[in-house]
Amino acid sequence: MLLKKQRTDFFVQESKLKNKATTKSVEDNNIEIGMLVTAKKMGLSFEELNLFSLDDYLTFVDKWTGNEEEGTREASQSDIERFMG
């Protein structure tokens, strides 16, 4: 009786089985998984995440991490004159 080698890549993409160098590029392209992980780290359930639009979710992440732009505006002539002295 001849034994066959059992396939181990049935549910795993072959690119993830090869080596760590290619894994980084695959992970960088997996935006959806990154969004789910970020939401879970922020304590959101999948039901709560489902209530957000993409724009709402990104705004929520900005506010939660403190990376939100607060009150930025275009400089006026008086601002430029005050800065230049």
N, C-alpha and C. Protein backbone atom coordinates (compact mmCIF):
# COMPACT_ATOMS: atom_id res chain seq x y z
N MET A 1 0.84 -1.18 0.00
CA MET A 1 0.00 0.00 0.00
C MET A 1 0.89 1.24 0.00
N LEU A 2 0.62 2.12 -0.91
CA LEU A 2 1.39 3.34 -1.07
C LEU A 2 0.74 4.47 -0.29
N LEU A 3 1.52 5.16 0.54
CA LEU A 3 0.99 6.26 1.33
C LEU A 3 1.13 7.56 0.56
N LYS A 4 0.06 8.34 0.55
CA LYS A 4 0.09 9.64 -0.08
C LYS A 4 0.44 10.70 0.96
N LYS A 5 1.15 11.71 0.50
CA LYS A 5 1.44 12.84 1.37
C LYS A 5 0.15 13.63 1.59
N GLN A 6 -0.16 13.88 2.85
CA GLN A 6 -1.38 14.60 3.17
C GLN A 6 -1.19 16.09 2.90
N ARG A 7 -2.17 16.69 2.23
CA ARG A 7 -2.11 18.13 1.95
C ARG A 7 -2.39 18.91 3.22
N THR A 8 -1.54 19.89 3.49
CA THR A 8 -1.75 20.73 4.67
C THR A 8 -2.21 22.12 4.29
N ASP A 9 -2.28 22.41 3.01
CA ASP A 9 -2.63 23.77 2.58
C ASP A 9 -4.07 23.87 2.11
N PHE A 10 -4.92 22.98 2.51
CA PHE A 10 -6.28 22.96 2.03
C PHE A 10 -7.05 24.22 2.43
N PHE A 11 -6.92 24.67 3.66
CA PHE A 11 -7.64 25.85 4.11
C PHE A 11 -6.74 27.07 4.27
N VAL A 12 -5.46 26.93 4.00
CA VAL A 12 -4.51 28.02 4.16
C VAL A 12 -3.94 28.36 2.80
N GLN A 13 -3.87 29.66 2.49
CA GLN A 13 -3.30 30.08 1.23
C GLN A 13 -1.84 29.65 1.17
N GLU A 14 -1.41 29.19 0.01
CA GLU A 14 -0.03 28.73 -0.12
C GLU A 14 0.98 29.83 0.18
N SER A 15 0.66 31.07 -0.16
CA SER A 15 1.59 32.16 0.10
C SER A 15 1.85 32.33 1.59
N LYS A 16 0.90 31.94 2.43
CA LYS A 16 1.10 32.05 3.87
C LYS A 16 1.92 30.88 4.42
N LEU A 17 2.06 29.82 3.64
CA LEU A 17 2.82 28.67 4.10
C LEU A 17 4.30 28.76 3.76
N LYS A 18 4.68 29.61 2.81
CA LYS A 18 6.05 29.61 2.31
C LYS A 18 7.06 30.13 3.31
N ASN A 19 7.07 31.43 3.56
CA ASN A 19 8.03 31.98 4.53
C ASN A 19 7.52 33.29 5.09
N LYS A 20 8.22 33.81 6.07
CA LYS A 20 7.79 35.03 6.75
C LYS A 20 7.95 36.27 5.87
N ALA A 21 8.87 36.28 4.93
CA ALA A 21 9.10 37.46 4.09
C ALA A 21 7.87 37.77 3.24
N THR A 22 7.24 36.75 2.68
CA THR A 22 6.06 36.99 1.86
C THR A 22 4.83 37.22 2.73
N THR A 23 4.84 36.74 3.96
CA THR A 23 3.69 36.91 4.84
C THR A 23 3.44 38.38 5.13
N LYS A 24 4.49 39.18 5.28
CA LYS A 24 4.30 40.60 5.59
C LYS A 24 3.54 41.31 4.48
N SER A 25 3.87 41.03 3.23
CA SER A 25 3.17 41.70 2.14
C SER A 25 1.73 41.24 2.05
N VAL A 26 1.45 39.99 2.37
CA VAL A 26 0.07 39.49 2.36
C VAL A 26 -0.73 40.16 3.47
N GLU A 27 -0.12 40.31 4.66
CA GLU A 27 -0.82 40.95 5.78
C GLU A 27 -1.10 42.41 5.48
N ASP A 28 -0.19 43.11 4.82
CA ASP A 28 -0.39 44.51 4.51
C ASP A 28 -1.58 44.71 3.56
N ASN A 29 -1.86 43.75 2.72
CA ASN A 29 -2.94 43.87 1.76
C ASN A 29 -4.29 43.43 2.33
N ASN A 30 -4.32 42.92 3.57
CA ASN A 30 -5.55 42.41 4.15
C ASN A 30 -6.19 43.48 5.04
N ILE A 31 -6.75 44.49 4.42
CA ILE A 31 -7.29 45.65 5.13
C ILE A 31 -8.51 45.28 5.97
N GLU A 32 -9.36 44.41 5.45
CA GLU A 32 -10.58 44.06 6.17
C GLU A 32 -10.25 43.42 7.52
N ILE A 33 -9.29 42.50 7.54
CA ILE A 33 -8.91 41.85 8.79
C ILE A 33 -8.32 42.88 9.75
N GLY A 34 -7.52 43.80 9.24
CA GLY A 34 -6.95 44.85 10.08
C GLY A 34 -8.03 45.72 10.71
N MET A 35 -9.07 46.01 9.96
CA MET A 35 -10.17 46.81 10.49
C MET A 35 -10.90 46.05 11.59
N LEU A 36 -11.13 44.75 11.38
CA LEU A 36 -11.81 43.95 12.40
C LEU A 36 -10.98 43.86 13.67
N VAL A 37 -9.68 43.65 13.53
CA VAL A 37 -8.80 43.56 14.69
C VAL A 37 -8.78 44.88 15.45
N THR A 38 -8.69 45.98 14.72
CA THR A 38 -8.69 47.30 15.37
C THR A 38 -9.99 47.53 16.12
N ALA A 39 -11.10 47.17 15.51
CA ALA A 39 -12.40 47.35 16.17
C ALA A 39 -12.49 46.52 17.45
N LYS A 40 -12.01 45.29 17.40
CA LYS A 40 -12.04 44.43 18.58
C LYS A 40 -11.13 44.97 19.67
N LYS A 41 -9.96 45.52 19.30
CA LYS A 41 -9.06 46.11 20.29
C LYS A 41 -9.68 47.34 20.95
N MET A 42 -10.56 48.03 20.23
CA MET A 42 -11.24 49.19 20.78
C MET A 42 -12.45 48.78 21.60
N GLY A 43 -12.76 47.49 21.64
CA GLY A 43 -13.87 46.99 22.46
C GLY A 43 -15.20 46.95 21.75
N LEU A 44 -15.21 47.11 20.44
CA LEU A 44 -16.47 47.05 19.69
C LEU A 44 -16.84 45.60 19.40
N SER A 45 -18.12 45.30 19.47
CA SER A 45 -18.58 43.99 19.05
C SER A 45 -18.78 44.02 17.53
N PHE A 46 -18.94 42.86 16.94
CA PHE A 46 -19.18 42.82 15.51
C PHE A 46 -20.54 43.43 15.18
N GLU A 47 -21.50 43.31 16.08
CA GLU A 47 -22.81 43.93 15.87
C GLU A 47 -22.69 45.45 15.86
N GLU A 48 -21.90 45.99 16.80
CA GLU A 48 -21.70 47.44 16.83
C GLU A 48 -20.94 47.91 15.60
N LEU A 49 -19.94 47.15 15.19
CA LEU A 49 -19.17 47.50 14.00
C LEU A 49 -20.05 47.53 12.76
N ASN A 50 -21.02 46.66 12.72
CA ASN A 50 -21.93 46.58 11.58
C ASN A 50 -22.79 47.83 11.45
N LEU A 51 -22.96 48.58 12.54
CA LEU A 51 -23.77 49.80 12.51
C LEU A 51 -23.04 50.97 11.87
N PHE A 52 -21.72 50.90 11.78
CA PHE A 52 -20.92 52.00 11.24
C PHE A 52 -20.86 51.94 9.71
N SER A 53 -20.87 53.10 9.09
CA SER A 53 -20.44 53.18 7.68
C SER A 53 -18.91 53.24 7.72
N LEU A 54 -18.27 53.10 6.59
CA LEU A 54 -16.81 53.16 6.56
C LEU A 54 -16.31 54.51 7.04
N ASP A 55 -16.97 55.58 6.61
CA ASP A 55 -16.58 56.92 7.02
C ASP A 55 -16.74 57.11 8.53
N ASP A 56 -17.87 56.62 9.07
CA ASP A 56 -18.10 56.71 10.52
C ASP A 56 -17.05 55.93 11.29
N TYR A 57 -16.71 54.75 10.80
CA TYR A 57 -15.70 53.91 11.46
C TYR A 57 -14.34 54.61 11.50
N LEU A 58 -13.92 55.18 10.37
CA LEU A 58 -12.63 55.87 10.33
C LEU A 58 -12.62 57.10 11.22
N THR A 59 -13.74 57.83 11.28
CA THR A 59 -13.85 58.97 12.19
C THR A 59 -13.76 58.50 13.64
N PHE A 60 -14.43 57.41 13.96
CA PHE A 60 -14.39 56.84 15.31
C PHE A 60 -12.97 56.44 15.70
N VAL A 61 -12.25 55.80 14.79
CA VAL A 61 -10.87 55.40 15.06
C VAL A 61 -10.00 56.63 15.31
N ASP A 62 -10.16 57.67 14.49
CA ASP A 62 -9.39 58.89 14.68
C ASP A 62 -9.66 59.52 16.05
N LYS A 63 -10.91 59.58 16.44
CA LYS A 63 -11.25 60.15 17.74
C LYS A 63 -10.74 59.28 18.88
N TRP A 64 -10.85 57.97 18.73
CA TRP A 64 -10.44 57.04 19.79
C TRP A 64 -8.92 57.05 20.00
N THR A 65 -8.17 57.20 18.90
CA THR A 65 -6.71 57.20 19.01
C THR A 65 -6.14 58.58 19.25
N GLY A 66 -6.96 59.61 19.12
CA GLY A 66 -6.49 60.97 19.35
C GLY A 66 -5.76 61.56 18.17
N ASN A 67 -5.92 60.99 16.98
CA ASN A 67 -5.26 61.50 15.78
C ASN A 67 -6.15 62.44 14.99
N GLU A 68 -7.21 62.88 15.60
CA GLU A 68 -8.15 63.75 14.91
C GLU A 68 -7.57 65.15 14.75
N GLU A 69 -7.79 65.74 13.61
CA GLU A 69 -7.37 67.12 13.38
C GLU A 69 -8.38 68.02 14.06
N GLU A 70 -7.91 68.84 14.98
CA GLU A 70 -8.82 69.71 15.71
C GLU A 70 -8.66 71.15 15.24
N GLY A 71 -9.68 71.64 14.60
CA GLY A 71 -9.73 73.04 14.25
C GLY A 71 -8.67 73.52 13.27
N THR A 72 -8.18 72.68 12.42
CA THR A 72 -7.21 73.16 11.43
C THR A 72 -7.93 73.99 10.38
N ARG A 73 -7.29 75.04 9.95
CA ARG A 73 -7.88 75.90 8.93
C ARG A 73 -6.75 76.50 8.11
N GLU A 74 -7.12 77.09 7.03
CA GLU A 74 -6.14 77.75 6.18
C GLU A 74 -5.75 79.08 6.82
N ALA A 75 -4.47 79.40 6.78
CA ALA A 75 -3.98 80.64 7.39
C ALA A 75 -4.48 81.85 6.62
N SER A 76 -4.86 82.87 7.38
CA SER A 76 -5.29 84.13 6.76
C SER A 76 -4.06 85.05 6.64
N GLN A 77 -4.25 86.16 5.98
CA GLN A 77 -3.15 87.13 5.83
C GLN A 77 -2.69 87.64 7.19
N SER A 78 -3.61 87.87 8.09
CA SER A 78 -3.24 88.35 9.43
C SER A 78 -2.43 87.29 10.19
N ASP A 79 -2.75 86.01 10.00
CA ASP A 79 -1.96 84.95 10.63
C ASP A 79 -0.54 84.94 10.10
N ILE A 80 -0.39 85.13 8.79
CA ILE A 80 0.93 85.14 8.17
C ILE A 80 1.75 86.34 8.66
N GLU A 81 1.11 87.49 8.73
CA GLU A 81 1.80 88.69 9.21
C GLU A 81 2.22 88.54 10.69
N ARG A 82 1.37 87.96 11.49
CA ARG A 82 1.69 87.72 12.90
C ARG A 82 2.85 86.75 13.04
N PHE A 83 2.88 85.73 12.19
CA PHE A 83 3.94 84.73 12.24
C PHE A 83 5.26 85.31 11.77
N MET A 84 5.23 86.12 10.71
CA MET A 84 6.46 86.68 10.13
C MET A 84 7.00 87.85 10.95
N GLY A 85 6.16 88.43 11.78
CA GLY A 85 6.62 89.51 12.67
C GLY A 85 6.51 90.83 12.10
